[in-house]
Amino acid sequence: MKLISETEQLIIRQLTLDDAEFIIQLLNEEAFIRYIADKNVRTHADAVNYLTNGPLASYRDYGFGLNLVLLKETATPIGICGLLKREELDYPDLGYAFLTEFCKKGYATEAASSVLNVGMKDHSLNTVLAVTLLDNEGSNRLLQKIGFELKGTIALYGSQNNLYEYTSDK
């Protein structure tokens, strides 16, 4: 497993198939289903399939993808955060999701900021996008806090989303 970054409170590393049970837990959280999507990951086999065809394929194809976020002190997995490349978007975008019990504690901001900075540097990116549902107040605030600029809205996967952009010339 590849270490992506270490922050004051967090370790961020690439996901592995050993993270399947955590992925089942996270992807079935009410907030994940509400604000991201129901990925229909219910079993260990579903989680292995999700990891193999999602993050692990992204690492292979692009050199980046969603990563596991752990508390440094206890090595407890608390969420995922990383850069994604979607066919629908011209540039990679920042994605993240955290277990509800670890929300509103600054972890998502810390992880997103670190992943953004490391990802842009390591992959020579000048622009990173982010999309979030219009009513996802927490994500909209987080993106603005770490320097993303609202560019407008975009229809994606059947919903209107805010489209944010971060450029390295800031």
Protein backbone atom coordinates (compact mmCIF):
# COMPACT_ATOMS: atom_id res chain seq x y z
CA MET A 1 0.00 0.00 0.00
CA LYS A 2 1.29 3.42 -0.94
CA LEU A 3 1.36 6.29 1.53
CA ILE A 4 -0.09 9.45 -0.01
CA SER A 5 0.43 11.88 2.86
CA GLU A 6 0.59 12.31 6.59
CA THR A 7 -0.92 15.31 8.33
CA GLU A 8 -1.02 16.39 11.94
CA GLN A 9 -3.88 14.01 12.73
CA LEU A 10 -4.20 11.73 9.70
CA ILE A 11 -2.54 9.08 7.58
CA ILE A 12 -3.76 8.96 3.98
CA ARG A 13 -2.86 5.86 1.98
CA GLN A 14 -4.04 4.03 -1.08
CA LEU A 15 -6.87 1.58 -0.58
CA THR A 16 -6.30 -2.18 -0.79
CA LEU A 17 -8.64 -5.16 -0.97
CA ASP A 18 -8.06 -5.54 2.79
CA ASP A 19 -10.19 -2.39 3.25
CA ALA A 20 -13.35 -4.12 1.96
CA GLU A 21 -15.18 -4.24 5.32
CA PHE A 22 -14.62 -0.52 5.90
CA ILE A 23 -15.86 0.23 2.37
CA ILE A 24 -19.10 -1.68 3.10
CA GLN A 25 -19.60 0.40 6.23
CA LEU A 26 -18.84 3.78 4.59
CA LEU A 27 -20.79 3.25 1.37
CA ASN A 28 -23.90 2.26 3.32
CA GLU A 29 -23.93 5.35 5.54
CA GLU A 30 -27.10 7.40 5.13
CA ALA A 31 -25.11 10.53 4.22
CA PHE A 32 -23.05 8.68 1.58
CA ILE A 33 -26.19 7.36 -0.10
CA ARG A 34 -27.91 10.76 0.18
CA TYR A 35 -25.09 13.01 -1.04
CA ILE A 36 -23.06 10.71 -3.29
CA ALA A 37 -24.96 7.61 -4.43
CA ASP A 38 -26.09 4.16 -3.47
CA LYS A 39 -23.27 2.08 -4.91
CA ASN A 40 -25.07 -1.17 -3.98
CA VAL A 41 -22.08 -2.43 -2.03
CA ARG A 42 -23.56 -4.78 0.56
CA THR A 43 -21.29 -7.81 0.68
CA HIS A 44 -17.57 -8.50 0.85
CA ALA A 45 -17.66 -9.53 -2.82
CA ASP A 46 -19.40 -6.24 -3.72
CA ALA A 47 -16.71 -4.29 -1.86
CA VAL A 48 -13.88 -6.19 -3.57
CA ASN A 49 -15.53 -5.48 -6.93
CA TYR A 50 -15.94 -1.77 -6.05
CA LEU A 51 -12.30 -1.50 -4.97
CA THR A 52 -10.95 -3.44 -7.96
CA ASN A 53 -12.93 -1.54 -10.59
CA GLY A 54 -12.85 1.84 -8.82
CA PRO A 55 -9.87 3.01 -6.77
CA LEU A 56 -7.43 0.23 -7.75
CA ALA A 57 -8.21 0.67 -11.47
CA SER A 58 -7.82 4.44 -11.07
CA TYR A 59 -4.38 4.04 -9.48
CA ARG A 60 -3.36 1.85 -12.43
CA ASP A 61 -4.88 4.08 -15.15
CA TYR A 62 -4.18 7.58 -13.77
CA GLY A 63 -1.74 7.20 -10.88
CA PHE A 64 -4.31 8.56 -8.41
CA GLY A 65 -7.72 7.73 -6.97
CA LEU A 66 -9.67 7.61 -3.73
CA ASN A 67 -7.53 6.87 -0.68
CA LEU A 68 -8.18 5.61 2.82
CA VAL A 69 -8.04 8.21 5.58
CA LEU A 70 -7.02 6.94 9.03
CA LEU A 71 -6.61 8.63 12.39
CA LYS A 72 -2.85 8.75 12.99
CA GLU A 73 -3.09 8.05 16.71
CA THR A 74 -5.19 4.87 16.48
CA ALA A 75 -5.00 3.83 12.78
CA THR A 76 -8.82 3.88 12.76
CA PRO A 77 -10.22 4.22 9.23
CA ILE A 78 -12.58 7.23 9.12
CA GLY A 79 -13.14 8.00 5.45
CA ILE A 80 -11.89 8.21 1.89
CA CYS A 81 -10.43 11.14 0.01
CA GLY A 82 -8.69 11.47 -3.31
CA LEU A 83 -8.59 12.65 -6.87
CA LEU A 84 -10.84 11.03 -9.46
CA LYS A 85 -10.92 11.20 -13.24
CA ARG A 86 -14.44 11.08 -14.61
CA GLU A 87 -15.20 10.98 -18.32
CA GLU A 88 -17.83 13.70 -17.80
CA LEU A 89 -15.29 16.25 -16.52
CA ASP A 90 -12.35 17.86 -18.31
CA TYR A 91 -10.05 17.72 -15.27
CA PRO A 92 -9.59 15.43 -12.27
CA ASP A 93 -11.89 16.18 -9.36
CA LEU A 94 -11.57 15.95 -5.61
CA GLY A 95 -13.81 13.44 -3.88
CA TYR A 96 -14.25 12.50 -0.25
CA ALA A 97 -16.61 10.83 2.20
CA PHE A 98 -16.33 10.26 5.93
CA LEU A 99 -18.16 8.19 8.51
CA THR A 100 -20.78 10.39 10.16
CA GLU A 101 -19.19 10.08 13.60
CA PHE A 102 -16.03 11.75 12.25
CA CYS A 103 -17.75 14.62 10.45
CA LYS A 104 -17.60 18.23 11.67
CA LYS A 105 -14.24 17.65 13.38
CA GLY A 106 -11.96 19.13 10.71
CA TYR A 107 -10.73 15.77 9.41
CA ALA A 108 -12.31 16.16 5.95
CA THR A 109 -10.79 19.63 5.54
CA GLU A 110 -7.37 18.37 6.65
CA ALA A 111 -7.51 15.35 4.33
CA ALA A 112 -8.91 17.24 1.33
CA SER A 113 -6.34 20.00 1.59
CA SER A 114 -3.48 17.51 1.86
CA VAL A 115 -4.70 15.29 -0.98
CA LEU A 116 -5.25 18.33 -3.20
CA ASN A 117 -1.78 19.74 -2.60
CA VAL A 118 0.05 16.41 -2.91
CA GLY A 119 -2.01 15.33 -5.93
CA MET A 120 -1.46 18.55 -7.86
CA LYS A 121 2.29 18.44 -7.18
CA ASP A 122 2.84 14.71 -7.77
CA HIS A 123 0.75 14.60 -10.96
CA SER A 124 1.67 18.03 -12.37
CA LEU A 125 -1.93 19.23 -12.32
CA ASN A 126 -2.82 22.90 -12.74
CA THR A 127 -6.59 22.49 -12.32
CA VAL A 128 -8.72 20.27 -10.11
CA LEU A 129 -12.52 20.34 -10.08
CA ALA A 130 -15.05 19.32 -7.43
CA VAL A 131 -18.77 18.68 -7.67
CA THR A 132 -21.27 18.52 -4.87
CA LEU A 133 -25.03 18.58 -4.58
CA LEU A 134 -26.49 22.06 -4.20
CA ASP A 135 -27.88 21.25 -0.73
CA ASN A 136 -24.75 19.56 0.63
CA GLU A 137 -23.87 22.51 2.85
CA GLY A 138 -20.90 20.85 4.54
CA SER A 139 -19.14 19.99 1.27
CA ASN A 140 -19.91 23.36 -0.28
CA ARG A 141 -18.34 25.07 2.77
CA LEU A 142 -15.32 22.75 2.82
CA LEU A 143 -14.50 23.33 -0.85
CA GLN A 144 -14.66 27.10 -0.47
CA LYS A 145 -12.58 26.92 2.71
CA ILE A 146 -9.70 25.13 0.97
CA GLY A 147 -9.69 27.52 -1.99
CA PHE A 148 -12.09 26.17 -4.59
CA GLU A 149 -14.06 28.74 -6.57
CA LEU A 150 -17.69 28.15 -7.53
CA LYS A 151 -17.91 28.17 -11.35
CA GLY A 152 -21.59 27.34 -11.79
CA THR A 153 -23.73 24.25 -11.86
CA ILE A 154 -23.53 21.04 -13.84
CA ALA A 155 -25.97 18.18 -14.39
CA LEU A 156 -24.22 14.98 -13.36
CA TYR A 157 -25.74 11.54 -12.76
CA GLY A 158 -29.27 12.91 -12.88
CA SER A 159 -28.77 15.74 -10.36
CA GLN A 160 -27.79 19.40 -10.46
CA ASN A 161 -24.45 19.95 -8.75
CA ASN A 162 -22.30 22.92 -7.90
CA LEU A 163 -19.12 22.86 -9.98
CA TYR A 164 -16.00 24.13 -8.26
CA GLU A 165 -12.52 24.75 -9.63
CA TYR A 166 -9.13 25.01 -7.97
CA THR A 167 -6.17 26.27 -9.96
CA SER A 168 -2.53 26.23 -8.95
CA ASP A 169 -2.04 29.90 -9.86
CA LYS A 170 -3.90 30.96 -6.71
